[in-house]
Amino acid sequence: MLNIRNKISGRLKNRGLAPIEITRLIKDVYNIIGSEWYFTTADVKYALERLGWERYLLDNYTLELIFLYLDDQALVGLNRHVVH
């Protein structure tokens, strides 16, 4: 999971984002996909643009890495809250 986060950070730092901005972008993606039943990468990119993010920041590969990272985070959260 940390490796995925490092790849995302590296790719976005190369595009000029500061670490705090990277965290905010990931949170915005999380909020966008959390409110939808079905979404495409184009839908997410459009929603991010509406929030003020520049179109060039995210390519499809980086966005897929963010989806994977958020998926892993959700699984970690589920494992922590399981009561036997």
PDB file of N, CA and C in Angstrom:
ATOM      1  N   MET A   1       0.828  -1.181   0.000  1.00  0.00           N
ATOM      2  CA  MET A   1       0.000   0.000   0.000  1.00  0.00           C
ATOM      3  C   MET A   1       0.879   1.254   0.000  1.00  0.00           C
ATOM      4  N   LEU A   2       1.927   1.237   0.797  1.00  0.00           N
ATOM      5  CA  LEU A   2       2.830   2.381   0.836  1.00  0.00           C
ATOM      6  C   LEU A   2       3.512   2.584  -0.520  1.00  0.00           C
ATOM      7  N   ASN A   3       3.818   1.478  -1.196  1.00  0.00           N
ATOM      8  CA  ASN A   3       4.430   1.548  -2.511  1.00  0.00           C
ATOM      9  C   ASN A   3       3.506   2.242  -3.510  1.00  0.00           C
ATOM     10  N   ILE A   4       2.213   1.952  -3.433  1.00  0.00           N
ATOM     11  CA  ILE A   4       1.245   2.595  -4.325  1.00  0.00           C
ATOM     12  C   ILE A   4       1.210   4.093  -4.042  1.00  0.00           C
ATOM     13  N   ARG A   5       1.170   4.445  -2.766  1.00  0.00           N
ATOM     14  CA  ARG A   5       1.134   5.868  -2.385  1.00  0.00           C
ATOM     15  C   ARG A   5       2.396   6.579  -2.874  1.00  0.00           C
ATOM     16  N   ASN A   6       3.536   5.916  -2.782  1.00  0.00           N
ATOM     17  CA  ASN A   6       4.786   6.514  -3.259  1.00  0.00           C
ATOM     18  C   ASN A   6       4.763   6.738  -4.767  1.00  0.00           C
ATOM     19  N   LYS A   7       4.202   5.792  -5.511  1.00  0.00           N
ATOM     20  CA  LYS A   7       4.102   5.956  -6.969  1.00  0.00           C
ATOM     21  C   LYS A   7       3.194   7.128  -7.315  1.00  0.00           C
ATOM     22  N   ILE A   8       2.058   7.208  -6.621  1.00  0.00           N
ATOM     23  CA  ILE A   8       1.136   8.324  -6.859  1.00  0.00           C
ATOM     24  C   ILE A   8       1.841   9.643  -6.556  1.00  0.00           C
ATOM     25  N   SER A   9       2.481   9.715  -5.400  1.00  0.00           N
ATOM     26  CA  SER A   9       3.173  10.946  -5.001  1.00  0.00           C
ATOM     27  C   SER A   9       4.259  11.331  -5.994  1.00  0.00           C
ATOM     28  N   GLY A  10       5.043  10.362  -6.425  1.00  0.00           N
ATOM     29  CA  GLY A  10       6.104  10.643  -7.388  1.00  0.00           C
ATOM     30  C   GLY A  10       5.575  11.191  -8.696  1.00  0.00           C
ATOM     31  N   ARG A  11       4.515  10.581  -9.191  1.00  0.00           N
ATOM     32  CA  ARG A  11       3.947  11.032 -10.462  1.00  0.00           C
ATOM     33  C   ARG A  11       3.368  12.442 -10.340  1.00  0.00           C
ATOM     34  N   LEU A  12       2.691  12.716  -9.216  1.00  0.00           N
ATOM     35  CA  LEU A  12       2.061  14.024  -9.057  1.00  0.00           C
ATOM     36  C   LEU A  12       3.070  15.109  -8.672  1.00  0.00           C
ATOM     37  N   LYS A  13       4.126  14.744  -7.971  1.00  0.00           N
ATOM     38  CA  LYS A  13       5.184  15.724  -7.684  1.00  0.00           C
ATOM     39  C   LYS A  13       5.842  16.175  -8.977  1.00  0.00           C
ATOM     40  N   ASN A  14       5.992  15.257  -9.928  1.00  0.00           N
ATOM     41  CA  ASN A  14       6.563  15.609 -11.232  1.00  0.00           C
ATOM     42  C   ASN A  14       5.679  16.587 -11.991  1.00  0.00           C
ATOM     43  N   ARG A  15       4.426  16.652 -11.621  1.00  0.00           N
ATOM     44  CA  ARG A  15       3.498  17.594 -12.258  1.00  0.00           C
ATOM     45  C   ARG A  15       3.342  18.875 -11.450  1.00  0.00           C
ATOM     46  N   GLY A  16       4.166  19.010 -10.404  1.00  0.00           N
ATOM     47  CA  GLY A  16       4.209  20.267  -9.666  1.00  0.00           C
ATOM     48  C   GLY A  16       3.355  20.339  -8.410  1.00  0.00           C
ATOM     49  N   LEU A  17       2.783  19.241  -7.968  1.00  0.00           N
ATOM     50  CA  LEU A  17       1.955  19.278  -6.764  1.00  0.00           C
ATOM     51  C   LEU A  17       2.800  19.102  -5.500  1.00  0.00           C
ATOM     52  N   ALA A  18       2.446  19.823  -4.476  1.00  0.00           N
ATOM     53  CA  ALA A  18       3.061  19.678  -3.155  1.00  0.00           C
ATOM     54  C   ALA A  18       2.396  18.506  -2.433  1.00  0.00           C
ATOM     55  N   PRO A  19       3.061  17.927  -1.432  1.00  0.00           N
ATOM     56  CA  PRO A  19       2.474  16.790  -0.712  1.00  0.00           C
ATOM     57  C   PRO A  19       1.074  17.065  -0.154  1.00  0.00           C
ATOM     58  N   ILE A  20       0.828  18.246   0.359  1.00  0.00           N
ATOM     59  CA  ILE A  20      -0.495  18.576   0.899  1.00  0.00           C
ATOM     60  C   ILE A  20      -1.548  18.585  -0.210  1.00  0.00           C
ATOM     61  N   GLU A  21      -1.147  19.023  -1.408  1.00  0.00           N
ATOM     62  CA  GLU A  21      -2.072  19.032  -2.539  1.00  0.00           C
ATOM     63  C   GLU A  21      -2.380  17.611  -3.003  1.00  0.00           C
ATOM     64  N   ILE A  22      -1.395  16.748  -2.938  1.00  0.00           N
ATOM     65  CA  ILE A  22      -1.591  15.345  -3.321  1.00  0.00           C
ATOM     66  C   ILE A  22      -2.605  14.694  -2.392  1.00  0.00           C
ATOM     67  N   THR A  23      -2.454  14.945  -1.105  1.00  0.00           N
ATOM     68  CA  THR A  23      -3.401  14.409  -0.130  1.00  0.00           C
ATOM     69  C   THR A  23      -4.804  14.941  -0.394  1.00  0.00           C
ATOM     70  N   ARG A  24      -4.916  16.222  -0.685  1.00  0.00           N
ATOM     71  CA  ARG A  24      -6.228  16.836  -0.964  1.00  0.00           C
ATOM     72  C   ARG A  24      -6.846  16.244  -2.224  1.00  0.00           C
ATOM     73  N   LEU A  25      -6.036  16.029  -3.255  1.00  0.00           N
ATOM     74  CA  LEU A  25      -6.530  15.445  -4.500  1.00  0.00           C
ATOM     75  C   LEU A  25      -7.070  14.034  -4.254  1.00  0.00           C
ATOM     76  N   ILE A  26      -6.343  13.232  -3.497  1.00  0.00           N
ATOM     77  CA  ILE A  26      -6.788  11.875  -3.191  1.00  0.00           C
ATOM     78  C   ILE A  26      -8.103  11.916  -2.409  1.00  0.00           C
ATOM     79  N   LYS A  27      -8.219  12.841  -1.463  1.00  0.00           N
ATOM     80  CA  LYS A  27      -9.463  12.980  -0.702  1.00  0.00           C
ATOM     81  C   LYS A  27     -10.617  13.398  -1.604  1.00  0.00           C
ATOM     82  N   ASP A  28     -10.334  14.288  -2.551  1.00  0.00           N
ATOM     83  CA  ASP A  28     -11.382  14.698  -3.485  1.00  0.00           C
ATOM     84  C   ASP A  28     -11.837  13.532  -4.355  1.00  0.00           C
ATOM     85  N   VAL A  29     -10.895  12.722  -4.821  1.00  0.00           N
ATOM     86  CA  VAL A  29     -11.269  11.532  -5.606  1.00  0.00           C
ATOM     87  C   VAL A  29     -12.116  10.599  -4.744  1.00  0.00           C
ATOM     88  N   TYR A  30     -11.718  10.406  -3.502  1.00  0.00           N
ATOM     89  CA  TYR A  30     -12.474   9.551  -2.587  1.00  0.00           C
ATOM     90  C   TYR A  30     -13.907  10.059  -2.421  1.00  0.00           C
ATOM     91  N   ASN A  31     -14.054  11.360  -2.228  1.00  0.00           N
ATOM     92  CA  ASN A  31     -15.387  11.933  -2.069  1.00  0.00           C
ATOM     93  C   ASN A  31     -16.230  11.801  -3.326  1.00  0.00           C
ATOM     94  N   ILE A  32     -15.599  11.930  -4.474  1.00  0.00           N
ATOM     95  CA  ILE A  32     -16.330  11.810  -5.745  1.00  0.00           C
ATOM     96  C   ILE A  32     -16.813  10.380  -5.948  1.00  0.00           C
ATOM     97  N   ILE A  33     -15.930   9.408  -5.795  1.00  0.00           N
ATOM     98  CA  ILE A  33     -16.338   8.028  -6.073  1.00  0.00           C
ATOM     99  C   ILE A  33     -17.205   7.461  -4.948  1.00  0.00           C
ATOM    100  N   GLY A  34     -17.127   8.039  -3.766  1.00  0.00           N
ATOM    101  CA  GLY A  34     -17.962   7.571  -2.671  1.00  0.00           C
ATOM    102  C   GLY A  34     -19.410   7.972  -2.817  1.00  0.00           C
ATOM    103  N   SER A  35     -19.682   8.967  -3.626  1.00  0.00           N
ATOM    104  CA  SER A  35     -21.053   9.441  -3.793  1.00  0.00           C
ATOM    105  C   SER A  35     -21.726   8.887  -5.045  1.00  0.00           C
ATOM    106  N   GLU A  36     -21.041   8.042  -5.784  1.00  0.00           N
ATOM    107  CA  GLU A  36     -21.571   7.503  -7.044  1.00  0.00           C
ATOM    108  C   GLU A  36     -21.674   5.984  -6.992  1.00  0.00           C
ATOM    109  N   TRP A  37     -22.696   5.449  -7.629  1.00  0.00           N
ATOM    110  CA  TRP A  37     -22.818   3.992  -7.777  1.00  0.00           C
ATOM    111  C   TRP A  37     -21.941   3.493  -8.909  1.00  0.00           C
ATOM    112  N   TYR A  38     -21.851   4.298  -9.956  1.00  0.00           N
ATOM    113  CA  TYR A  38     -21.098   3.913 -11.151  1.00  0.00           C
ATOM    114  C   TYR A  38     -20.372   5.150 -11.639  1.00  0.00           C
ATOM    115  N   PHE A  39     -19.126   4.986 -12.018  1.00  0.00           N
ATOM    116  CA  PHE A  39     -18.367   6.115 -12.520  1.00  0.00           C
ATOM    117  C   PHE A  39     -17.328   5.629 -13.514  1.00  0.00           C
ATOM    118  N   THR A  40     -16.927   6.520 -14.389  1.00  0.00           N
ATOM    119  CA  THR A  40     -15.829   6.257 -15.308  1.00  0.00           C
ATOM    120  C   THR A  40     -14.698   7.218 -14.948  1.00  0.00           C
ATOM    121  N   THR A  41     -13.531   6.954 -15.475  1.00  0.00           N
ATOM    122  CA  THR A  41     -12.423   7.867 -15.227  1.00  0.00           C
ATOM    123  C   THR A  41     -12.742   9.263 -15.762  1.00  0.00           C
ATOM    124  N   ALA A  42     -13.455   9.315 -16.878  1.00  0.00           N
ATOM    125  CA  ALA A  42     -13.838  10.617 -17.443  1.00  0.00           C
ATOM    126  C   ALA A  42     -14.771  11.359 -16.489  1.00  0.00           C
ATOM    127  N   ASP A  43     -15.702  10.640 -15.856  1.00  0.00           N
ATOM    128  CA  ASP A  43     -16.600  11.266 -14.878  1.00  0.00           C
ATOM    129  C   ASP A  43     -15.817  11.860 -13.717  1.00  0.00           C
ATOM    130  N   VAL A  44     -14.854  11.100 -13.215  1.00  0.00           N
ATOM    131  CA  VAL A  44     -14.060  11.554 -12.071  1.00  0.00           C
ATOM    132  C   VAL A  44     -13.225  12.767 -12.468  1.00  0.00           C
ATOM    133  N   LYS A  45     -12.606  12.715 -13.638  1.00  0.00           N
ATOM    134  CA  LYS A  45     -11.795  13.852 -14.093  1.00  0.00           C
ATOM    135  C   LYS A  45     -12.654  15.106 -14.249  1.00  0.00           C
ATOM    136  N   TYR A  46     -13.856  14.937 -14.792  1.00  0.00           N
ATOM    137  CA  TYR A  46     -14.760  16.072 -14.964  1.00  0.00           C
ATOM    138  C   TYR A  46     -15.148  16.656 -13.604  1.00  0.00           C
ATOM    139  N   ALA A  47     -15.469  15.787 -12.650  1.00  0.00           N
ATOM    140  CA  ALA A  47     -15.834  16.250 -11.310  1.00  0.00           C
ATOM    141  C   ALA A  47     -14.661  16.977 -10.645  1.00  0.00           C
ATOM    142  N   LEU A  48     -13.453  16.482 -10.848  1.00  0.00           N
ATOM    143  CA  LEU A  48     -12.272  17.152 -10.298  1.00  0.00           C
ATOM    144  C   LEU A  48     -12.076  18.532 -10.920  1.00  0.00           C
ATOM    145  N   GLU A  49     -12.316  18.632 -12.215  1.00  0.00           N
ATOM    146  CA  GLU A  49     -12.215  19.936 -12.880  1.00  0.00           C
ATOM    147  C   GLU A  49     -13.214  20.920 -12.292  1.00  0.00           C
ATOM    148  N   ARG A  50     -14.403  20.433 -12.001  1.00  0.00           N
ATOM    149  CA  ARG A  50     -15.432  21.290 -11.411  1.00  0.00           C
ATOM    150  C   ARG A  50     -15.021  21.764 -10.018  1.00  0.00           C
ATOM    151  N   LEU A  51     -14.158  20.979  -9.356  1.00  0.00           N
ATOM    152  CA  LEU A  51     -13.644  21.376  -8.045  1.00  0.00           C
ATOM    153  C   LEU A  51     -12.425  22.301  -8.150  1.00  0.00           C
ATOM    154  N   GLY A  52     -11.940  22.528  -9.381  1.00  0.00           N
ATOM    155  CA  GLY A  52     -10.831  23.450  -9.587  1.00  0.00           C
ATOM    156  C   GLY A  52      -9.496  22.811  -9.913  1.00  0.00           C
ATOM    157  N   TRP A  53      -9.443  21.496 -10.017  1.00  0.00           N
ATOM    158  CA  TRP A  53      -8.195  20.822 -10.382  1.00  0.00           C
ATOM    159  C   TRP A  53      -7.965  20.947 -11.883  1.00  0.00           C
ATOM    160  N   GLU A  54      -6.720  21.125 -12.263  1.00  0.00           N
ATOM    161  CA  GLU A  54      -6.369  21.232 -13.680  1.00  0.00           C
ATOM    162  C   GLU A  54      -6.473  19.872 -14.370  1.00  0.00           C
ATOM    163  N   ARG A  55      -6.904  19.876 -15.609  1.00  0.00           N
ATOM    164  CA  ARG A  55      -7.105  18.649 -16.381  1.00  0.00           C
ATOM    165  C   ARG A  55      -5.809  17.858 -16.569  1.00  0.00           C
ATOM    166  N   TYR A  56      -4.699  18.541 -16.737  1.00  0.00           N
ATOM    167  CA  TYR A  56      -3.435  17.869 -17.056  1.00  0.00           C
ATOM    168  C   TYR A  56      -2.838  17.095 -15.874  1.00  0.00           C
ATOM    169  N   LEU A  57      -3.315  17.325 -14.664  1.00  0.00           N
ATOM    170  CA  LEU A  57      -2.699  16.703 -13.482  1.00  0.00           C
ATOM    171  C   LEU A  57      -2.810  15.183 -13.469  1.00  0.00           C
ATOM    172  N   LEU A  58      -3.944  14.669 -13.877  1.00  0.00           N
ATOM    173  CA  LEU A  58      -4.183  13.231 -13.772  1.00  0.00           C
ATOM    174  C   LEU A  58      -4.274  12.571 -15.137  1.00  0.00           C
ATOM    175  N   ASP A  59      -3.409  11.609 -15.355  1.00  0.00           N
ATOM    176  CA  ASP A  59      -3.589  10.727 -16.504  1.00  0.00           C
ATOM    177  C   ASP A  59      -4.359   9.505 -15.994  1.00  0.00           C
ATOM    178  N   ASN A  60      -4.785   8.661 -16.908  1.00  0.00           N
ATOM    179  CA  ASN A  60      -5.586   7.498 -16.504  1.00  0.00           C
ATOM    180  C   ASN A  60      -4.814   6.547 -15.595  1.00  0.00           C
ATOM    181  N   TYR A  61      -3.519   6.389 -15.812  1.00  0.00           N
ATOM    182  CA  TYR A  61      -2.708   5.487 -14.998  1.00  0.00           C
ATOM    183  C   TYR A  61      -2.653   5.962 -13.544  1.00  0.00           C
ATOM    184  N   THR A  62      -2.412   7.255 -13.345  1.00  0.00           N
ATOM    185  CA  THR A  62      -2.340   7.794 -11.994  1.00  0.00           C
ATOM    186  C   THR A  62      -3.699   7.704 -11.309  1.00  0.00           C
ATOM    187  N   LEU A  63      -4.756   7.962 -12.043  1.00  0.00           N
ATOM    188  CA  LEU A  63      -6.094   7.857 -11.475  1.00  0.00           C
ATOM    189  C   LEU A  63      -6.401   6.409 -11.069  1.00  0.00           C
ATOM    190  N   GLU A  64      -5.997   5.462 -11.888  1.00  0.00           N
ATOM    191  CA  GLU A  64      -6.191   4.048 -11.530  1.00  0.00           C
ATOM    192  C   GLU A  64      -5.379   3.688 -10.283  1.00  0.00           C
ATOM    193  N   LEU A  65      -4.177   4.245 -10.148  1.00  0.00           N
ATOM    194  CA  LEU A  65      -3.387   4.020  -8.935  1.00  0.00           C
ATOM    195  C   LEU A  65      -4.111   4.576  -7.705  1.00  0.00           C
ATOM    196  N   ILE A  66      -4.737   5.724  -7.855  1.00  0.00           N
ATOM    197  CA  ILE A  66      -5.497   6.299  -6.743  1.00  0.00           C
ATOM    198  C   ILE A  66      -6.672   5.404  -6.386  1.00  0.00           C
ATOM    199  N   PHE A  67      -7.379   4.884  -7.399  1.00  0.00           N
ATOM    200  CA  PHE A  67      -8.487   3.956  -7.134  1.00  0.00           C
ATOM    201  C   PHE A  67      -7.980   2.733  -6.363  1.00  0.00           C
ATOM    202  N   LEU A  68      -6.861   2.189  -6.789  1.00  0.00           N
ATOM    203  CA  LEU A  68      -6.287   1.015  -6.132  1.00  0.00           C
ATOM    204  C   LEU A  68      -5.897   1.343  -4.690  1.00  0.00           C
ATOM    205  N   TYR A  69      -5.277   2.488  -4.488  1.00  0.00           N
ATOM    206  CA  TYR A  69      -4.889   2.920  -3.153  1.00  0.00           C
ATOM    207  C   TYR A  69      -6.114   3.057  -2.251  1.00  0.00           C
ATOM    208  N   LEU A  70      -7.168   3.688  -2.760  1.00  0.00           N
ATOM    209  CA  LEU A  70      -8.381   3.862  -1.963  1.00  0.00           C
ATOM    210  C   LEU A  70      -9.053   2.526  -1.673  1.00  0.00           C
ATOM    211  N   ASP A  71      -8.997   1.625  -2.630  1.00  0.00           N
ATOM    212  CA  ASP A  71      -9.527   0.280  -2.427  1.00  0.00           C
ATOM    213  C   ASP A  71      -8.787  -0.424  -1.294  1.00  0.00           C
ATOM    214  N   ASP A  72      -7.467  -0.333  -1.300  1.00  0.00           N
ATOM    215  CA  ASP A  72      -6.651  -0.928  -0.234  1.00  0.00           C
ATOM    216  C   ASP A  72      -6.970  -0.285   1.115  1.00  0.00           C
ATOM    217  N   GLN A  73      -7.150   1.021   1.128  1.00  0.00           N
ATOM    218  CA  GLN A  73      -7.475   1.715   2.372  1.00  0.00           C
ATOM    219  C   GLN A  73      -8.811   1.232   2.929  1.00  0.00           C
ATOM    220  N   ALA A  74      -9.777   1.009   2.039  1.00  0.00           N
ATOM    221  CA  ALA A  74     -11.089   0.525   2.469  1.00  0.00           C
ATOM    222  C   ALA A  74     -10.965  -0.864   3.080  1.00  0.00           C
ATOM    223  N   LEU A  75     -10.154  -1.716   2.473  1.00  0.00           N
ATOM    224  CA  LEU A  75      -9.966  -3.067   3.013  1.00  0.00           C
ATOM    225  C   LEU A  75      -9.278  -3.029   4.366  1.00  0.00           C
ATOM    226  N   VAL A  76      -8.308  -2.163   4.536  1.00  0.00           N
ATOM    227  CA  VAL A  76      -7.631  -2.021   5.824  1.00  0.00           C
ATOM    228  C   VAL A  76      -8.640  -1.568   6.880  1.00  0.00           C
ATOM    229  N   GLY A  77      -9.492  -0.626   6.510  1.00  0.00           N
ATOM    230  CA  GLY A  77     -10.513  -0.143   7.436  1.00  0.00           C
ATOM    231  C   GLY A  77     -11.485  -1.239   7.839  1.00  0.00           C
ATOM    232  N   LEU A  78     -11.874  -2.087   6.890  1.00  0.00           N
ATOM    233  CA  LEU A  78     -12.772  -3.196   7.195  1.00  0.00           C
ATOM    234  C   LEU A  78     -12.122  -4.187   8.146  1.00  0.00           C
ATOM    235  N   ASN A  79     -10.860  -4.461   7.931  1.00  0.00           N
ATOM    236  CA  ASN A  79     -10.165  -5.423   8.784  1.00  0.00           C
ATOM    237  C   ASN A  79     -10.034  -4.914  10.217  1.00  0.00           C
ATOM    238  N   ARG A  80      -9.926  -3.627  10.390  1.00  0.00           N
ATOM    239  CA  ARG A  80      -9.782  -3.069  11.738  1.00  0.00           C
ATOM    240  C   ARG A  80     -11.078  -3.128  12.531  1.00  0.00           C
ATOM    241  N   HIS A  81     -12.211  -3.089  11.852  1.00  0.00           N
ATOM    242  CA  HIS A  81     -13.484  -2.981  12.545  1.00  0.00           C
ATOM    243  C   HIS A  81     -14.247  -4.295  12.650  1.00  0.00           C
ATOM    244  N   VAL A  82     -13.633  -5.374  12.320  1.00  0.00           N
ATOM    245  CA  VAL A  82     -14.297  -6.665  12.419  1.00  0.00           C
ATOM    246  C   VAL A  82     -14.268  -7.128  13.869  1.00  0.00           C
ATOM    247  N   VAL A  83     -15.452  -7.468  14.403  1.00  0.00           N
ATOM    248  CA  VAL A  83     -15.554  -7.965  15.770  1.00  0.00           C
ATOM    249  C   VAL A  83     -15.957  -9.427  15.714  1.00  0.00           C
ATOM    250  N   HIS A  84     -15.219 -10.263  16.430  1.00  0.00           N
ATOM    251  CA  HIS A  84     -15.506 -11.696  16.419  1.00  0.00           C
ATOM    252  C   HIS A  84     -16.247 -12.093  17.657  1.00  0.00           C
TER     253      HIS A  84
END
